[in-house]
Amino acid sequence: QVQLVESGGELVQPGGSLRLSCRGSGRSFNWFTIGWFRQAPGEERTFVAAHSGSQSLTRYADSVRGRFTISRDNVNNMVYLEMNNLRPEDTGVYFCAAGYGWSTEKHEYSYWGQGTQVTVSS
């Protein structure tokens, strides 16, 4: 029903900032909750942040609250993740995903992008 493509991941030093982008396409994109998840090597995919569709709500994992900001441009079917004060433990492949609810659980999201690599290292 929707397709998602992430971009913006790169190597960044600890304390630095990055802005990830998620471009959506398909019908009713703006109705979906869009979540960001990340996956470190050998680890499970975990929730980072989400932005609702119709109600413009946001939520964050405890590990990123106050450092990351999710935003949405529904006119252009874009979702962004602004990441500040990055730490090595933020390293991983970042995915955007579309779901019908308001969940932090990856299995509740129906559509996924291909991921973009973020590496935080000196």
PDB file of N, CA and C in Angstrom:
ATOM      1  N   GLN A   1       0.822  -1.199   0.000  1.00  0.00           N
ATOM      2  CA  GLN A   1       0.000   0.000   0.000  1.00  0.00           C
ATOM      3  C   GLN A   1       0.862   1.257   0.000  1.00  0.00           C
ATOM      4  N   VAL A   2       2.001   1.219   0.689  1.00  0.00           N
ATOM      5  CA  VAL A   2       2.936   2.331   0.685  1.00  0.00           C
ATOM      6  C   VAL A   2       4.347   1.798   0.495  1.00  0.00           C
ATOM      7  N   GLN A   3       5.193   2.640  -0.068  1.00  0.00           N
ATOM      8  CA  GLN A   3       6.613   2.370  -0.175  1.00  0.00           C
ATOM      9  C   GLN A   3       7.377   3.456   0.557  1.00  0.00           C
ATOM     10  N   LEU A   4       8.459   3.064   1.201  1.00  0.00           N
ATOM     11  CA  LEU A   4       9.243   3.978   2.015  1.00  0.00           C
ATOM     12  C   LEU A   4      10.712   3.855   1.635  1.00  0.00           C
ATOM     13  N   VAL A   5      11.379   4.994   1.526  1.00  0.00           N
ATOM     14  CA  VAL A   5      12.795   5.024   1.192  1.00  0.00           C
ATOM     15  C   VAL A   5      13.499   5.967   2.147  1.00  0.00           C
ATOM     16  N   GLU A   6      14.469   5.443   2.895  1.00  0.00           N
ATOM     17  CA  GLU A   6      15.252   6.252   3.824  1.00  0.00           C
ATOM     18  C   GLU A   6      16.507   6.774   3.143  1.00  0.00           C
ATOM     19  N   SER A   7      16.997   7.895   3.650  1.00  0.00           N
ATOM     20  CA  SER A   7      18.267   8.428   3.194  1.00  0.00           C
ATOM     21  C   SER A   7      18.857   9.305   4.288  1.00  0.00           C
ATOM     22  N   GLY A   8      20.121   9.637   4.159  1.00  0.00           N
ATOM     23  CA  GLY A   8      20.777  10.579   5.052  1.00  0.00           C
ATOM     24  C   GLY A   8      21.774   9.983   6.016  1.00  0.00           C
ATOM     25  N   GLY A   9      21.826   8.670   6.135  1.00  0.00           N
ATOM     26  CA  GLY A   9      22.770   8.063   7.053  1.00  0.00           C
ATOM     27  C   GLY A   9      24.203   8.208   6.568  1.00  0.00           C
ATOM     28  N   GLU A  10      25.129   8.381   7.519  1.00  0.00           N
ATOM     29  CA  GLU A  10      26.535   8.518   7.207  1.00  0.00           C
ATOM     30  C   GLU A  10      27.364   8.363   8.467  1.00  0.00           C
ATOM     31  N   LEU A  11      28.654   8.462   8.312  1.00  0.00           N
ATOM     32  CA  LEU A  11      29.565   8.455   9.447  1.00  0.00           C
ATOM     33  C   LEU A  11      29.572   9.829  10.097  1.00  0.00           C
ATOM     34  N   VAL A  12      29.449   9.861  11.419  1.00  0.00           N
ATOM     35  CA  VAL A  12      29.453  11.117  12.157  1.00  0.00           C
ATOM     36  C   VAL A  12      30.200  10.908  13.470  1.00  0.00           C
ATOM     37  N   GLN A  13      30.857  11.950  13.948  1.00  0.00           N
ATOM     38  CA  GLN A  13      31.585  11.863  15.210  1.00  0.00           C
ATOM     39  C   GLN A  13      30.640  11.936  16.403  1.00  0.00           C
ATOM     40  N   PRO A  14      31.024  11.346  17.521  1.00  0.00           N
ATOM     41  CA  PRO A  14      30.215  11.503  18.732  1.00  0.00           C
ATOM     42  C   PRO A  14      29.969  12.971  19.044  1.00  0.00           C
ATOM     43  N   GLY A  15      28.751  13.282  19.447  1.00  0.00           N
ATOM     44  CA  GLY A  15      28.352  14.652  19.688  1.00  0.00           C
ATOM     45  C   GLY A  15      27.817  15.370  18.475  1.00  0.00           C
ATOM     46  N   GLY A  16      27.951  14.771  17.319  1.00  0.00           N
ATOM     47  CA  GLY A  16      27.488  15.385  16.091  1.00  0.00           C
ATOM     48  C   GLY A  16      26.010  15.173  15.854  1.00  0.00           C
ATOM     49  N   SER A  17      25.555  15.647  14.712  1.00  0.00           N
ATOM     50  CA  SER A  17      24.145  15.601  14.355  1.00  0.00           C
ATOM     51  C   SER A  17      23.965  15.065  12.946  1.00  0.00           C
ATOM     52  N   LEU A  18      22.830  14.458  12.722  1.00  0.00           N
ATOM     53  CA  LEU A  18      22.418  13.991  11.406  1.00  0.00           C
ATOM     54  C   LEU A  18      20.917  14.184  11.264  1.00  0.00           C
ATOM     55  N   ARG A  19      20.490  14.326  10.033  1.00  0.00           N
ATOM     56  CA  ARG A  19      19.075  14.367   9.717  1.00  0.00           C
ATOM     57  C   ARG A  19      18.766  13.270   8.714  1.00  0.00           C
ATOM     58  N   LEU A  20      17.947  12.321   9.124  1.00  0.00           N
ATOM     59  CA  LEU A  20      17.506  11.256   8.247  1.00  0.00           C
ATOM     60  C   LEU A  20      16.175  11.625   7.610  1.00  0.00           C
ATOM     61  N   SER A  21      15.977  11.158   6.397  1.00  0.00           N
ATOM     62  CA  SER A  21      14.746  11.409   5.667  1.00  0.00           C
ATOM     63  C   SER A  21      14.083  10.101   5.288  1.00  0.00           C
ATOM     64  N   CYS A  22      12.773  10.111   5.283  1.00  0.00           N
ATOM     65  CA  CYS A  22      11.979   8.982   4.831  1.00  0.00           C
ATOM     66  C   CYS A  22      10.947   9.517   3.854  1.00  0.00           C
ATOM     67  N   ARG A  23      11.053   9.078   2.617  1.00  0.00           N
ATOM     68  CA  ARG A  23      10.096   9.484   1.604  1.00  0.00           C
ATOM     69  C   ARG A  23       9.075   8.377   1.401  1.00  0.00           C
ATOM     70  N   GLY A  24       7.796   8.738   1.487  1.00  0.00           N
ATOM     71  CA  GLY A  24       6.729   7.776   1.304  1.00  0.00           C
ATOM     72  C   GLY A  24       6.000   7.984   0.004  1.00  0.00           C
ATOM     73  N   SER A  25       5.445   6.910  -0.493  1.00  0.00           N
ATOM     74  CA  SER A  25       4.602   6.973  -1.676  1.00  0.00           C
ATOM     75  C   SER A  25       3.473   5.966  -1.514  1.00  0.00           C
ATOM     76  N   GLY A  26       2.426   6.169  -2.280  1.00  0.00           N
ATOM     77  CA  GLY A  26       1.276   5.296  -2.202  1.00  0.00           C
ATOM     78  C   GLY A  26       0.066   6.000  -1.612  1.00  0.00           C
ATOM     79  N   ARG A  27      -1.059   5.399  -1.814  1.00  0.00           N
ATOM     80  CA  ARG A  27      -2.292   6.000  -1.357  1.00  0.00           C
ATOM     81  C   ARG A  27      -2.369   6.064   0.167  1.00  0.00           C
ATOM     82  N   SER A  28      -2.966   7.112   0.662  1.00  0.00           N
ATOM     83  CA  SER A  28      -3.266   7.292   2.078  1.00  0.00           C
ATOM     84  C   SER A  28      -2.025   7.303   2.967  1.00  0.00           C
ATOM     85  N   PHE A  29      -0.891   7.725   2.431  1.00  0.00           N
ATOM     86  CA  PHE A  29       0.332   7.777   3.218  1.00  0.00           C
ATOM     87  C   PHE A  29       0.143   8.582   4.504  1.00  0.00           C
ATOM     88  N   ASN A  30      -0.567   9.685   4.422  1.00  0.00           N
ATOM     89  CA  ASN A  30      -0.709  10.568   5.569  1.00  0.00           C
ATOM     90  C   ASN A  30      -1.590  10.006   6.673  1.00  0.00           C
ATOM     91  N   TRP A  31      -2.289   8.915   6.419  1.00  0.00           N
ATOM     92  CA  TRP A  31      -3.092   8.267   7.440  1.00  0.00           C
ATOM     93  C   TRP A  31      -2.260   7.381   8.365  1.00  0.00           C
ATOM     94  N   PHE A  32      -1.082   7.003   7.930  1.00  0.00           N
ATOM     95  CA  PHE A  32      -0.273   6.051   8.679  1.00  0.00           C
ATOM     96  C   PHE A  32       0.528   6.724   9.772  1.00  0.00           C
ATOM     97  N   THR A  33       0.699   6.008  10.861  1.00  0.00           N
ATOM     98  CA  THR A  33       1.781   6.309  11.779  1.00  0.00           C
ATOM     99  C   THR A  33       3.105   5.925  11.114  1.00  0.00           C
ATOM    100  N   ILE A  34       4.078   6.816  11.177  1.00  0.00           N
ATOM    101  CA  ILE A  34       5.408   6.534  10.661  1.00  0.00           C
ATOM    102  C   ILE A  34       6.362   6.423  11.843  1.00  0.00           C
ATOM    103  N   GLY A  35       7.019   5.303  11.935  1.00  0.00           N
ATOM    104  CA  GLY A  35       7.982   5.067  12.994  1.00  0.00           C
ATOM    105  C   GLY A  35       9.388   4.946  12.457  1.00  0.00           C
ATOM    106  N   TRP A  36      10.345   5.294  13.298  1.00  0.00           N
ATOM    107  CA  TRP A  36      11.751   5.030  13.043  1.00  0.00           C
ATOM    108  C   TRP A  36      12.217   3.934  13.995  1.00  0.00           C
ATOM    109  N   PHE A  37      12.917   2.965  13.435  1.00  0.00           N
ATOM    110  CA  PHE A  37      13.535   1.890  14.192  1.00  0.00           C
ATOM    111  C   PHE A  37      15.005   1.818  13.821  1.00  0.00           C
ATOM    112  N   ARG A  38      15.785   1.188  14.676  1.00  0.00           N
ATOM    113  CA  ARG A  38      17.194   0.997  14.348  1.00  0.00           C
ATOM    114  C   ARG A  38      17.630  -0.395  14.763  1.00  0.00           C
ATOM    115  N   GLN A  39      18.685  -0.862  14.112  1.00  0.00           N
ATOM    116  CA  GLN A  39      19.184  -2.202  14.361  1.00  0.00           C
ATOM    117  C   GLN A  39      20.703  -2.184  14.298  1.00  0.00           C
ATOM    118  N   ALA A  40      21.323  -2.474  15.423  1.00  0.00           N
ATOM    119  CA  ALA A  40      22.770  -2.607  15.487  1.00  0.00           C
ATOM    120  C   ALA A  40      23.165  -4.018  15.069  1.00  0.00           C
ATOM    121  N   PRO A  41      24.415  -4.223  14.640  1.00  0.00           N
ATOM    122  CA  PRO A  41      24.850  -5.563  14.242  1.00  0.00           C
ATOM    123  C   PRO A  41      24.635  -6.580  15.351  1.00  0.00           C
ATOM    124  N   GLY A  42      24.000  -7.687  15.014  1.00  0.00           N
ATOM    125  CA  GLY A  42      23.753  -8.742  15.972  1.00  0.00           C
ATOM    126  C   GLY A  42      22.653  -8.467  16.971  1.00  0.00           C
ATOM    127  N   GLU A  43      21.966  -7.346  16.842  1.00  0.00           N
ATOM    128  CA  GLU A  43      20.915  -6.976  17.778  1.00  0.00           C
ATOM    129  C   GLU A  43      19.563  -6.963  17.081  1.00  0.00           C
ATOM    130  N   GLU A  44      18.516  -6.956  17.884  1.00  0.00           N
ATOM    131  CA  GLU A  44      17.179  -6.878  17.316  1.00  0.00           C
ATOM    132  C   GLU A  44      16.850  -5.439  16.940  1.00  0.00           C
ATOM    133  N   ARG A  45      15.893  -5.294  16.083  1.00  0.00           N
ATOM    134  CA  ARG A  45      15.424  -3.991  15.664  1.00  0.00           C
ATOM    135  C   ARG A  45      14.571  -3.377  16.766  1.00  0.00           C
ATOM    136  N   THR A  46      14.883  -2.145  17.153  1.00  0.00           N
ATOM    137  CA  THR A  46      14.211  -1.513  18.278  1.00  0.00           C
ATOM    138  C   THR A  46      13.631  -0.160  17.885  1.00  0.00           C
ATOM    139  N   PHE A  47      12.625   0.240  18.634  1.00  0.00           N
ATOM    140  CA  PHE A  47      11.906   1.470  18.377  1.00  0.00           C
ATOM    141  C   PHE A  47      12.743   2.687  18.720  1.00  0.00           C
ATOM    142  N   VAL A  48      12.620   3.723  17.894  1.00  0.00           N
ATOM    143  CA  VAL A  48      13.303   4.983  18.123  1.00  0.00           C
ATOM    144  C   VAL A  48      12.307   6.126  18.327  1.00  0.00           C
ATOM    145  N   ALA A  49      11.421   6.325  17.371  1.00  0.00           N
ATOM    146  CA  ALA A  49      10.481   7.439  17.419  1.00  0.00           C
ATOM    147  C   ALA A  49       9.332   7.165  16.472  1.00  0.00           C
ATOM    148  N   ALA A  50       8.215   7.844  16.693  1.00  0.00           N
ATOM    149  CA  ALA A  50       7.066   7.705  15.805  1.00  0.00           C
ATOM    150  C   ALA A  50       6.301   9.013  15.724  1.00  0.00           C
ATOM    151  N   HIS A  51       5.653   9.202  14.607  1.00  0.00           N
ATOM    152  CA  HIS A  51       4.804  10.355  14.363  1.00  0.00           C
ATOM    153  C   HIS A  51       3.490   9.845  13.812  1.00  0.00           C
ATOM    154  N   SER A  52       2.400  10.261  14.431  1.00  0.00           N
ATOM    155  CA  SER A  52       1.097   9.794  13.999  1.00  0.00           C
ATOM    156  C   SER A  52       0.676  10.463  12.699  1.00  0.00           C
ATOM    157  N   GLY A  53      -0.391   9.952  12.114  1.00  0.00           N
ATOM    158  CA  GLY A  53      -0.922  10.532  10.899  1.00  0.00           C
ATOM    159  C   GLY A  53      -1.852  11.681  11.179  1.00  0.00           C
ATOM    160  N   SER A  54      -3.104  11.380  11.447  1.00  0.00           N
ATOM    161  CA  SER A  54      -4.128  12.411  11.540  1.00  0.00           C
ATOM    162  C   SER A  54      -3.998  13.314  12.763  1.00  0.00           C
ATOM    163  N   GLN A  55      -3.414  12.832  13.846  1.00  0.00           N
ATOM    164  CA  GLN A  55      -3.398  13.578  15.099  1.00  0.00           C
ATOM    165  C   GLN A  55      -2.078  14.282  15.405  1.00  0.00           C
ATOM    166  N   SER A  56      -1.062  14.071  14.577  1.00  0.00           N
ATOM    167  CA  SER A  56       0.231  14.757  14.712  1.00  0.00           C
ATOM    168  C   SER A  56       0.870  14.558  16.083  1.00  0.00           C
ATOM    169  N   LEU A  57       0.770  13.369  16.617  1.00  0.00           N
ATOM    170  CA  LEU A  57       1.401  13.028  17.884  1.00  0.00           C
ATOM    171  C   LEU A  57       2.802  12.482  17.639  1.00  0.00           C
ATOM    172  N   THR A  58       3.666  12.643  18.631  1.00  0.00           N
ATOM    173  CA  THR A  58       5.009  12.088  18.569  1.00  0.00           C
ATOM    174  C   THR A  58       5.301  11.296  19.831  1.00  0.00           C
ATOM    175  N   ARG A  59       6.194  10.317  19.707  1.00  0.00           N
ATOM    176  CA  ARG A  59       6.666   9.557  20.858  1.00  0.00           C
ATOM    177  C   ARG A  59       8.094   9.113  20.583  1.00  0.00           C
ATOM    178  N   TYR A  60       8.845   8.876  21.668  1.00  0.00           N
ATOM    179  CA  TYR A  60      10.262   8.576  21.564  1.00  0.00           C
ATOM    180  C   TYR A  60      10.661   7.486  22.532  1.00  0.00           C
ATOM    181  N   ALA A  61      11.658   6.717  22.120  1.00  0.00           N
ATOM    182  CA  ALA A  61      12.294   5.807  23.048  1.00  0.00           C
ATOM    183  C   ALA A  61      13.035   6.601  24.116  1.00  0.00           C
ATOM    184  N   ASP A  62      13.112   6.046  25.322  1.00  0.00           N
ATOM    185  CA  ASP A  62      13.799   6.742  26.406  1.00  0.00           C
ATOM    186  C   ASP A  62      15.247   7.077  26.048  1.00  0.00           C
ATOM    187  N   SER A  63      15.878   6.215  25.279  1.00  0.00           N
ATOM    188  CA  SER A  63      17.285   6.392  24.963  1.00  0.00           C
ATOM    189  C   SER A  63      17.562   7.583  24.053  1.00  0.00           C
ATOM    190  N   VAL A  64      16.540   8.082  23.365  1.00  0.00           N
ATOM    191  CA  VAL A  64      16.749   9.183  22.426  1.00  0.00           C
ATOM    192  C   VAL A  64      15.959  10.435  22.782  1.00  0.00           C
ATOM    193  N   ARG A  65      15.073  10.351  23.740  1.00  0.00           N
ATOM    194  CA  ARG A  65      14.243  11.492  24.102  1.00  0.00           C
ATOM    195  C   ARG A  65      15.103  12.676  24.526  1.00  0.00           C
ATOM    196  N   GLY A  66      14.815  13.841  23.953  1.00  0.00           N
ATOM    197  CA  GLY A  66      15.600  15.031  24.216  1.00  0.00           C
ATOM    198  C   GLY A  66      16.747  15.231  23.261  1.00  0.00           C
ATOM    199  N   ARG A  67      17.117  14.195  22.517  1.00  0.00           N
ATOM    200  CA  ARG A  67      18.192  14.298  21.540  1.00  0.00           C
ATOM    201  C   ARG A  67      17.686  14.204  20.105  1.00  0.00           C
ATOM    202  N   PHE A  68      16.662  13.390  19.885  1.00  0.00           N
ATOM    203  CA  PHE A  68      16.116  13.172  18.544  1.00  0.00           C
ATOM    204  C   PHE A  68      14.767  13.858  18.421  1.00  0.00           C
ATOM    205  N   THR A  69      14.454  14.310  17.228  1.00  0.00           N
ATOM    206  CA  THR A  69      13.162  14.912  16.943  1.00  0.00           C
ATOM    207  C   THR A  69      12.618  14.347  15.640  1.00  0.00           C
ATOM    208  N   ILE A  70      11.405  13.835  15.691  1.00  0.00           N
ATOM    209  CA  ILE A  70      10.738  13.363  14.488  1.00  0.00           C
ATOM    210  C   ILE A  70       9.784  14.441  14.002  1.00  0.00           C
ATOM    211  N   SER A  71       9.743  14.643  12.706  1.00  0.00           N
ATOM    212  CA  SER A  71       8.847  15.621  12.117  1.00  0.00           C
ATOM    213  C   SER A  71       8.305  15.085  10.802  1.00  0.00           C
ATOM    214  N   ARG A  72       7.298  15.768  10.304  1.00  0.00           N
ATOM    215  CA  ARG A  72       6.580  15.234   9.150  1.00  0.00           C
ATOM    216  C   ARG A  72       6.137  16.363   8.246  1.00  0.00           C
ATOM    217  N   ASP A  73       6.298  16.140   6.953  1.00  0.00           N
ATOM    218  CA  ASP A  73       5.837  17.053   5.923  1.00  0.00           C
ATOM    219  C   ASP A  73       4.858  16.278   5.061  1.00  0.00           C
ATOM    220  N   ASN A  74       3.587  16.374   5.392  1.00  0.00           N
ATOM    221  CA  ASN A  74       2.584  15.581   4.700  1.00  0.00           C
ATOM    222  C   ASN A  74       2.341  16.045   3.271  1.00  0.00           C
ATOM    223  N   VAL A  75       2.609  17.309   3.002  1.00  0.00           N
ATOM    224  CA  VAL A  75       2.443  17.807   1.646  1.00  0.00           C
ATOM    225  C   VAL A  75       3.361  17.054   0.691  1.00  0.00           C
ATOM    226  N   ASN A  76       4.572  16.767   1.150  1.00  0.00           N
ATOM    227  CA  ASN A  76       5.567  16.116   0.314  1.00  0.00           C
ATOM    228  C   ASN A  76       5.799  14.656   0.675  1.00  0.00           C
ATOM    229  N   ASN A  77       4.980  14.091   1.546  1.00  0.00           N
ATOM    230  CA  ASN A  77       5.099  12.698   1.968  1.00  0.00           C
ATOM    231  C   ASN A  77       6.492  12.394   2.518  1.00  0.00           C
ATOM    232  N   MET A  78       6.971  13.267   3.395  1.00  0.00           N
ATOM    233  CA  MET A  78       8.289  13.108   3.987  1.00  0.00           C
ATOM    234  C   MET A  78       8.188  13.040   5.503  1.00  0.00           C
ATOM    235  N   VAL A  79       9.020  12.220   6.092  1.00  0.00           N
ATOM    236  CA  VAL A  79       9.207  12.157   7.528  1.00  0.00           C
ATOM    237  C   VAL A  79      10.697  12.270   7.802  1.00  0.00           C
ATOM    238  N   TYR A  80      11.050  13.033   8.826  1.00  0.00           N
ATOM    239  CA  TYR A  80      12.441  13.286   9.146  1.00  0.00           C
ATOM    240  C   TYR A  80      12.749  12.841  10.565  1.00  0.00           C
ATOM    241  N   LEU A  81      13.985  12.490  10.777  1.00  0.00           N
ATOM    242  CA  LEU A  81      14.489  12.225  12.116  1.00  0.00           C
ATOM    243  C   LEU A  81      15.748  13.058  12.305  1.00  0.00           C
ATOM    244  N   GLU A  82      15.633  14.105  13.101  1.00  0.00           N
ATOM    245  CA  GLU A  82      16.773  14.943  13.447  1.00  0.00           C
ATOM    246  C   GLU A  82      17.446  14.344  14.672  1.00  0.00           C
ATOM    247  N   MET A  83      18.709  14.010  14.538  1.00  0.00           N
ATOM    248  CA  MET A  83      19.456  13.354  15.596  1.00  0.00           C
ATOM    249  C   MET A  83      20.579  14.274  16.047  1.00  0.00           C
ATOM    250  N   ASN A  84      20.579  14.600  17.322  1.00  0.00           N
ATOM    251  CA  ASN A  84      21.576  15.487  17.902  1.00  0.00           C
ATOM    252  C   ASN A  84      22.319  14.784  19.024  1.00  0.00           C
ATOM    253  N   ASN A  85      23.500  15.306  19.334  1.00  0.00           N
ATOM    254  CA  ASN A  85      24.324  14.746  20.406  1.00  0.00           C
ATOM    255  C   ASN A  85      24.457  13.235  20.262  1.00  0.00           C
ATOM    256  N   LEU A  86      24.857  12.812  19.092  1.00  0.00           N
ATOM    257  CA  LEU A  86      24.923  11.389  18.801  1.00  0.00           C
ATOM    258  C   LEU A  86      25.995  10.684  19.616  1.00  0.00           C
ATOM    259  N   ARG A  87      25.700   9.453  19.953  1.00  0.00           N
ATOM    260  CA  ARG A  87      26.588   8.601  20.734  1.00  0.00           C
ATOM    261  C   ARG A  87      26.939   7.353  19.947  1.00  0.00           C
ATOM    262  N   PRO A  88      28.063   6.716  20.262  1.00  0.00           N
ATOM    263  CA  PRO A  88      28.401   5.474  19.556  1.00  0.00           C
ATOM    264  C   PRO A  88      27.294   4.431  19.617  1.00  0.00           C
ATOM    265  N   GLU A  89      26.561   4.373  20.712  1.00  0.00           N
ATOM    266  CA  GLU A  89      25.487   3.398  20.827  1.00  0.00           C
ATOM    267  C   GLU A  89      24.289   3.711  19.942  1.00  0.00           C
ATOM    268  N   ASP A  90      24.288   4.870  19.293  1.00  0.00           N
ATOM    269  CA  ASP A  90      23.267   5.176  18.299  1.00  0.00           C
ATOM    270  C   ASP A  90      23.560   4.542  16.943  1.00  0.00           C
ATOM    271  N   THR A  91      24.713   3.933  16.800  1.00  0.00           N
ATOM    272  CA  THR A  91      25.099   3.308  15.543  1.00  0.00           C
ATOM    273  C   THR A  91      24.143   2.184  15.172  1.00  0.00           C
ATOM    274  N   GLY A  92      23.786   2.124  13.910  1.00  0.00           N
ATOM    275  CA  GLY A  92      22.946   1.055  13.423  1.00  0.00           C
ATOM    276  C   GLY A  92      22.324   1.416  12.096  1.00  0.00           C
ATOM    277  N   VAL A  93      21.587   0.485  11.561  1.00  0.00           N
ATOM    278  CA  VAL A  93      20.785   0.735  10.374  1.00  0.00           C
ATOM    279  C   VAL A  93      19.448   1.286  10.827  1.00  0.00           C
ATOM    280  N   TYR A  94      19.083   2.431  10.309  1.00  0.00           N
ATOM    281  CA  TYR A  94      17.834   3.089  10.673  1.00  0.00           C
ATOM    282  C   TYR A  94      16.789   2.846   9.596  1.00  0.00           C
ATOM    283  N   PHE A  95      15.631   2.408  10.032  1.00  0.00           N
ATOM    284  CA  PHE A  95      14.519   2.095   9.146  1.00  0.00           C
ATOM    285  C   PHE A  95      13.338   2.991   9.464  1.00  0.00           C
ATOM    286  N   CYS A  96      12.627   3.423   8.447  1.00  0.00           N
ATOM    287  CA  CYS A  96      11.311   3.983   8.681  1.00  0.00           C
ATOM    288  C   CYS A  96      10.262   2.945   8.318  1.00  0.00           C
ATOM    289  N   ALA A  97       9.128   3.036   8.988  1.00  0.00           N
ATOM    290  CA  ALA A  97       8.084   2.042   8.838  1.00  0.00           C
ATOM    291  C   ALA A  97       6.726   2.707   8.979  1.00  0.00           C
ATOM    292  N   ALA A  98       5.746   2.150   8.318  1.00  0.00           N
ATOM    293  CA  ALA A  98       4.374   2.654   8.359  1.00  0.00           C
ATOM    294  C   ALA A  98       3.472   1.629   9.015  1.00  0.00           C
ATOM    295  N   GLY A  99       2.632   2.115   9.926  1.00  0.00           N
ATOM    296  CA  GLY A  99       1.706   1.244  10.618  1.00  0.00           C
ATOM    297  C   GLY A  99       0.361   1.902  10.833  1.00  0.00           C
ATOM    298  N   TYR A 100      -0.581   1.104  11.268  1.00  0.00           N
ATOM    299  CA  TYR A 100      -1.957   1.577  11.427  1.00  0.00           C
ATOM    300  C   TYR A 100      -2.274   2.073  12.825  1.00  0.00           C
ATOM    301  N   GLY A 101      -1.473   1.706  13.798  1.00  0.00           N
ATOM    302  CA  GLY A 101      -1.776   2.037  15.179  1.00  0.00           C
ATOM    303  C   GLY A 101      -0.885   3.111  15.746  1.00  0.00           C
ATOM    304  N   TRP A 102      -0.555   2.950  17.024  1.00  0.00           N
ATOM    305  CA  TRP A 102       0.293   3.902  17.739  1.00  0.00           C
ATOM    306  C   TRP A 102       1.190   3.077  18.653  1.00  0.00           C
ATOM    307  N   SER A 103       2.119   2.373  18.026  1.00  0.00           N
ATOM    308  CA  SER A 103       2.848   1.308  18.685  1.00  0.00           C
ATOM    309  C   SER A 103       4.349   1.543  18.639  1.00  0.00           C
ATOM    310  N   THR A 104       5.038   0.987  19.638  1.00  0.00           N
ATOM    311  CA  THR A 104       6.491   0.922  19.648  1.00  0.00           C
ATOM    312  C   THR A 104       7.002  -0.457  19.228  1.00  0.00           C
ATOM    313  N   GLU A 105       6.106  -1.358  18.883  1.00  0.00           N
ATOM    314  CA  GLU A 105       6.478  -2.722  18.545  1.00  0.00           C
ATOM    315  C   GLU A 105       6.625  -2.879  17.042  1.00  0.00           C
ATOM    316  N   LYS A 106       7.747  -3.430  16.617  1.00  0.00           N
ATOM    317  CA  LYS A 106       8.024  -3.504  15.189  1.00  0.00           C
ATOM    318  C   LYS A 106       7.020  -4.365  14.440  1.00  0.00           C
ATOM    319  N   HIS A 107       6.467  -5.376  15.082  1.00  0.00           N
ATOM    320  CA  HIS A 107       5.521  -6.239  14.387  1.00  0.00           C
ATOM    321  C   HIS A 107       4.189  -5.555  14.110  1.00  0.00           C
ATOM    322  N   GLU A 108       3.958  -4.405  14.718  1.00  0.00           N
ATOM    323  CA  GLU A 108       2.735  -3.649  14.477  1.00  0.00           C
ATOM    324  C   GLU A 108       2.843  -2.738  13.252  1.00  0.00           C
ATOM    325  N   TYR A 109       4.000  -2.691  12.642  1.00  0.00           N
ATOM    326  CA  TYR A 109       4.205  -1.878  11.450  1.00  0.00           C
ATOM    327  C   TYR A 109       4.198  -2.769  10.219  1.00  0.00           C
ATOM    328  N   SER A 110       3.501  -2.317   9.200  1.00  0.00           N
ATOM    329  CA  SER A 110       3.218  -3.164   8.045  1.00  0.00           C
ATOM    330  C   SER A 110       4.166  -2.955   6.872  1.00  0.00           C
ATOM    331  N   TYR A 111       4.741  -1.785   6.749  1.00  0.00           N
ATOM    332  CA  TYR A 111       5.562  -1.439   5.601  1.00  0.00           C
ATOM    333  C   TYR A 111       6.880  -0.855   6.073  1.00  0.00           C
ATOM    334  N   TRP A 112       7.950  -1.241   5.388  1.00  0.00           N
ATOM    335  CA  TRP A 112       9.299  -0.876   5.810  1.00  0.00           C
ATOM    336  C   TRP A 112      10.137  -0.388   4.652  1.00  0.00           C
ATOM    337  N   GLY A 113      11.005   0.577   4.939  1.00  0.00           N
ATOM    338  CA  GLY A 113      12.023   0.969   3.992  1.00  0.00           C
ATOM    339  C   GLY A 113      13.205   0.027   4.040  1.00  0.00           C
ATOM    340  N   GLN A 114      14.197   0.319   3.225  1.00  0.00           N
ATOM    341  CA  GLN A 114      15.364  -0.556   3.105  1.00  0.00           C
ATOM    342  C   GLN A 114      16.428  -0.286   4.152  1.00  0.00           C
ATOM    343  N   GLY A 115      16.345   0.838   4.832  1.00  0.00           N
ATOM    344  CA  GLY A 115      17.295   1.193   5.862  1.00  0.00           C
ATOM    345  C   GLY A 115      18.418   2.081   5.360  1.00  0.00           C
ATOM    346  N   THR A 116      18.972   2.865   6.274  1.00  0.00           N
ATOM    347  CA  THR A 116      20.128   3.698   5.977  1.00  0.00           C
ATOM    348  C   THR A 116      21.100   3.609   7.151  1.00  0.00           C
ATOM    349  N   GLN A 117      22.370   3.448   6.852  1.00  0.00           N
ATOM    350  CA  GLN A 117      23.381   3.190   7.872  1.00  0.00           C
ATOM    351  C   GLN A 117      23.816   4.477   8.548  1.00  0.00           C
ATOM    352  N   VAL A 118      23.780   4.473   9.871  1.00  0.00           N
ATOM    353  CA  VAL A 118      24.314   5.554  10.689  1.00  0.00           C
ATOM    354  C   VAL A 118      25.442   4.987  11.532  1.00  0.00           C
ATOM    355  N   THR A 119      26.608   5.581  11.425  1.00  0.00           N
ATOM    356  CA  THR A 119      27.756   5.154  12.209  1.00  0.00           C
ATOM    357  C   THR A 119      28.281   6.338  13.005  1.00  0.00           C
ATOM    358  N   VAL A 120      28.313   6.194  14.316  1.00  0.00           N
ATOM    359  CA  VAL A 120      28.805   7.237  15.212  1.00  0.00           C
ATOM    360  C   VAL A 120      30.132   6.756  15.772  1.00  0.00           C
ATOM    361  N   SER A 121      31.201   7.379  15.329  1.00  0.00           N
ATOM    362  CA  SER A 121      32.533   6.926  15.697  1.00  0.00           C
ATOM    363  C   SER A 121      33.530   8.059  15.515  1.00  0.00           C
ATOM    364  N   SER A 122      34.547   8.071  16.348  1.00  0.00           N
ATOM    365  CA  SER A 122      35.633   9.021  16.207  1.00  0.00           C
ATOM    366  C   SER A 122      36.787   8.456  15.396  1.00  0.00           C
TER     367      SER A 122
END
